[in-house]
Amino acid sequence: MMKYIPSIVSAFSIAIVYFKMAFISQGYQPILDIVIMIILSVVLGVSLLGAILMEFSNKRKN
């Protein structure tokens, strides 16, 4: 379960940035929020891929 914590935190962070962009941001701030969401999405994908690869490598060893 510990290997999924980065993915959970990344998904939670994306949700927070999205709600900030939807309700609080003004002017050009949504552009920065979109860039942050893209970066967090890449981090989420990499962390999920790493967790899944670790899961499969551990199943092969057992």
N, C-alpha and C. Protein backbone atom coordinates (compact mmCIF):
# COMPACT_ATOMS: atom_id res chain seq x y z
N MET A 1 0.82 -1.20 0.00
CA MET A 1 0.00 0.00 0.00
C MET A 1 0.86 1.26 0.00
N MET A 2 2.05 1.17 0.57
CA MET A 2 2.93 2.34 0.66
C MET A 2 3.36 2.85 -0.71
N LYS A 3 3.42 1.96 -1.69
CA LYS A 3 3.88 2.38 -3.01
C LYS A 3 2.85 3.22 -3.74
N TYR A 4 1.60 3.22 -3.28
CA TYR A 4 0.56 4.02 -3.92
C TYR A 4 0.38 5.40 -3.29
N ILE A 5 1.08 5.71 -2.23
CA ILE A 5 0.94 7.00 -1.56
C ILE A 5 1.32 8.17 -2.47
N PRO A 6 2.41 8.12 -3.25
CA PRO A 6 2.69 9.24 -4.16
C PRO A 6 1.59 9.47 -5.18
N SER A 7 0.97 8.40 -5.66
CA SER A 7 -0.12 8.54 -6.62
C SER A 7 -1.34 9.19 -5.97
N ILE A 8 -1.65 8.79 -4.77
CA ILE A 8 -2.79 9.35 -4.05
C ILE A 8 -2.56 10.83 -3.77
N VAL A 9 -1.36 11.17 -3.34
CA VAL A 9 -1.04 12.57 -3.05
C VAL A 9 -1.09 13.41 -4.33
N SER A 10 -0.59 12.86 -5.43
CA SER A 10 -0.63 13.59 -6.71
C SER A 10 -2.07 13.82 -7.16
N ALA A 11 -2.91 12.81 -7.06
CA ALA A 11 -4.31 12.96 -7.46
C ALA A 11 -5.03 13.98 -6.56
N PHE A 12 -4.75 13.94 -5.27
CA PHE A 12 -5.34 14.91 -4.34
C PHE A 12 -4.87 16.32 -4.68
N SER A 13 -3.60 16.46 -5.02
CA SER A 13 -3.06 17.78 -5.39
C SER A 13 -3.69 18.31 -6.67
N ILE A 14 -3.91 17.42 -7.63
CA ILE A 14 -4.57 17.84 -8.87
C ILE A 14 -5.98 18.34 -8.57
N ALA A 15 -6.69 17.66 -7.70
CA ALA A 15 -8.04 18.08 -7.33
C ALA A 15 -8.02 19.45 -6.64
N ILE A 16 -7.06 19.67 -5.76
CA ILE A 16 -6.96 20.95 -5.06
C ILE A 16 -6.67 22.08 -6.05
N VAL A 17 -5.73 21.85 -6.97
CA VAL A 17 -5.39 22.89 -7.96
C VAL A 17 -6.58 23.15 -8.87
N TYR A 18 -7.33 22.10 -9.23
CA TYR A 18 -8.50 22.28 -10.08
C TYR A 18 -9.56 23.14 -9.40
N PHE A 19 -9.85 22.85 -8.13
CA PHE A 19 -10.85 23.65 -7.42
C PHE A 19 -10.37 25.07 -7.20
N LYS A 20 -9.06 25.23 -6.98
CA LYS A 20 -8.51 26.59 -6.86
C LYS A 20 -8.68 27.34 -8.17
N MET A 21 -8.40 26.66 -9.28
CA MET A 21 -8.53 27.29 -10.58
C MET A 21 -9.99 27.65 -10.87
N ALA A 22 -10.91 26.79 -10.48
CA ALA A 22 -12.32 27.01 -10.80
C ALA A 22 -12.96 28.11 -9.95
N PHE A 23 -12.54 28.25 -8.70
CA PHE A 23 -13.26 29.14 -7.80
C PHE A 23 -12.46 30.35 -7.30
N ILE A 24 -11.14 30.28 -7.26
CA ILE A 24 -10.36 31.35 -6.64
C ILE A 24 -9.55 32.16 -7.63
N SER A 25 -8.98 31.50 -8.64
CA SER A 25 -8.05 32.16 -9.55
C SER A 25 -8.72 33.26 -10.37
N GLN A 26 -7.94 34.33 -10.59
CA GLN A 26 -8.43 35.46 -11.37
C GLN A 26 -7.33 35.88 -12.35
N GLY A 27 -7.73 36.50 -13.43
CA GLY A 27 -6.75 37.01 -14.39
C GLY A 27 -6.03 35.89 -15.11
N TYR A 28 -4.71 35.96 -15.10
CA TYR A 28 -3.89 34.96 -15.79
C TYR A 28 -3.48 33.79 -14.91
N GLN A 29 -3.93 33.75 -13.67
CA GLN A 29 -3.58 32.65 -12.78
C GLN A 29 -4.05 31.29 -13.27
N PRO A 30 -5.21 31.18 -13.94
CA PRO A 30 -5.61 29.85 -14.44
C PRO A 30 -4.59 29.23 -15.41
N ILE A 31 -3.85 30.05 -16.13
CA ILE A 31 -2.83 29.51 -17.04
C ILE A 31 -1.75 28.79 -16.25
N LEU A 32 -1.29 29.40 -15.17
CA LEU A 32 -0.30 28.77 -14.30
C LEU A 32 -0.88 27.52 -13.64
N ASP A 33 -2.15 27.58 -13.27
CA ASP A 33 -2.79 26.41 -12.67
C ASP A 33 -2.84 25.24 -13.65
N ILE A 34 -3.09 25.53 -14.92
CA ILE A 34 -3.12 24.47 -15.93
C ILE A 34 -1.74 23.85 -16.10
N VAL A 35 -0.70 24.67 -16.10
CA VAL A 35 0.67 24.15 -16.20
C VAL A 35 0.99 23.27 -14.99
N ILE A 36 0.60 23.71 -13.81
CA ILE A 36 0.83 22.91 -12.59
C ILE A 36 0.07 21.60 -12.67
N MET A 37 -1.17 21.64 -13.17
CA MET A 37 -1.95 20.41 -13.31
C MET A 37 -1.31 19.45 -14.31
N ILE A 38 -0.73 19.96 -15.38
CA ILE A 38 -0.05 19.10 -16.35
C ILE A 38 1.16 18.44 -15.71
N ILE A 39 1.94 19.20 -14.96
CA ILE A 39 3.12 18.65 -14.28
C ILE A 39 2.69 17.59 -13.27
N LEU A 40 1.65 17.88 -12.49
CA LEU A 40 1.16 16.90 -11.52
C LEU A 40 0.60 15.66 -12.20
N SER A 41 0.01 15.82 -13.36
CA SER A 41 -0.50 14.66 -14.10
C SER A 41 0.63 13.75 -14.56
N VAL A 42 1.74 14.35 -14.99
CA VAL A 42 2.91 13.56 -15.38
C VAL A 42 3.46 12.82 -14.16
N VAL A 43 3.54 13.51 -13.03
CA VAL A 43 4.01 12.87 -11.80
C VAL A 43 3.08 11.73 -11.40
N LEU A 44 1.78 11.95 -11.53
CA LEU A 44 0.80 10.90 -11.22
C LEU A 44 1.00 9.69 -12.12
N GLY A 45 1.17 9.92 -13.41
CA GLY A 45 1.38 8.80 -14.34
C GLY A 45 2.64 8.03 -14.05
N VAL A 46 3.73 8.74 -13.78
CA VAL A 46 5.00 8.07 -13.49
C VAL A 46 4.91 7.29 -12.18
N SER A 47 4.28 7.87 -11.16
CA SER A 47 4.19 7.17 -9.88
C SER A 47 3.28 5.95 -9.97
N LEU A 48 2.19 6.05 -10.74
CA LEU A 48 1.34 4.87 -10.94
C LEU A 48 2.06 3.79 -11.72
N LEU A 49 2.78 4.18 -12.75
CA LEU A 49 3.53 3.21 -13.54
C LEU A 49 4.59 2.52 -12.68
N GLY A 50 5.29 3.29 -11.86
CA GLY A 50 6.29 2.71 -10.96
C GLY A 50 5.67 1.76 -9.96
N ALA A 51 4.51 2.12 -9.40
CA ALA A 51 3.85 1.25 -8.42
C ALA A 51 3.38 -0.04 -9.08
N ILE A 52 2.85 0.06 -10.29
CA ILE A 52 2.38 -1.14 -10.97
C ILE A 52 3.55 -2.05 -11.35
N LEU A 53 4.65 -1.45 -11.81
CA LEU A 53 5.83 -2.26 -12.13
C LEU A 53 6.38 -2.95 -10.90
N MET A 54 6.39 -2.27 -9.76
CA MET A 54 6.86 -2.90 -8.52
C MET A 54 5.91 -4.02 -8.11
N GLU A 55 4.62 -3.83 -8.32
CA GLU A 55 3.64 -4.86 -7.99
C GLU A 55 3.88 -6.13 -8.81
N PHE A 56 4.08 -5.97 -10.12
CA PHE A 56 4.32 -7.11 -10.97
C PHE A 56 5.66 -7.78 -10.70
N SER A 57 6.68 -6.99 -10.38
CA SER A 57 7.98 -7.59 -10.08
C SER A 57 7.94 -8.37 -8.77
N ASN A 58 7.16 -7.90 -7.81
CA ASN A 58 7.03 -8.62 -6.55
C ASN A 58 6.23 -9.92 -6.73
N LYS A 59 5.24 -9.93 -7.63
CA LYS A 59 4.46 -11.15 -7.87
C LYS A 59 5.32 -12.21 -8.55
N ARG A 60 6.24 -11.80 -9.42
CA ARG A 60 7.10 -12.76 -10.10
C ARG A 60 8.07 -13.42 -9.14
N LYS A 61 8.53 -12.67 -8.13
CA LYS A 61 9.48 -13.21 -7.17
C LYS A 61 8.80 -14.23 -6.26
N ASN A 62 7.51 -14.05 -6.00
CA ASN A 62 6.80 -14.96 -5.10
C ASN A 62 6.30 -16.11 -5.86
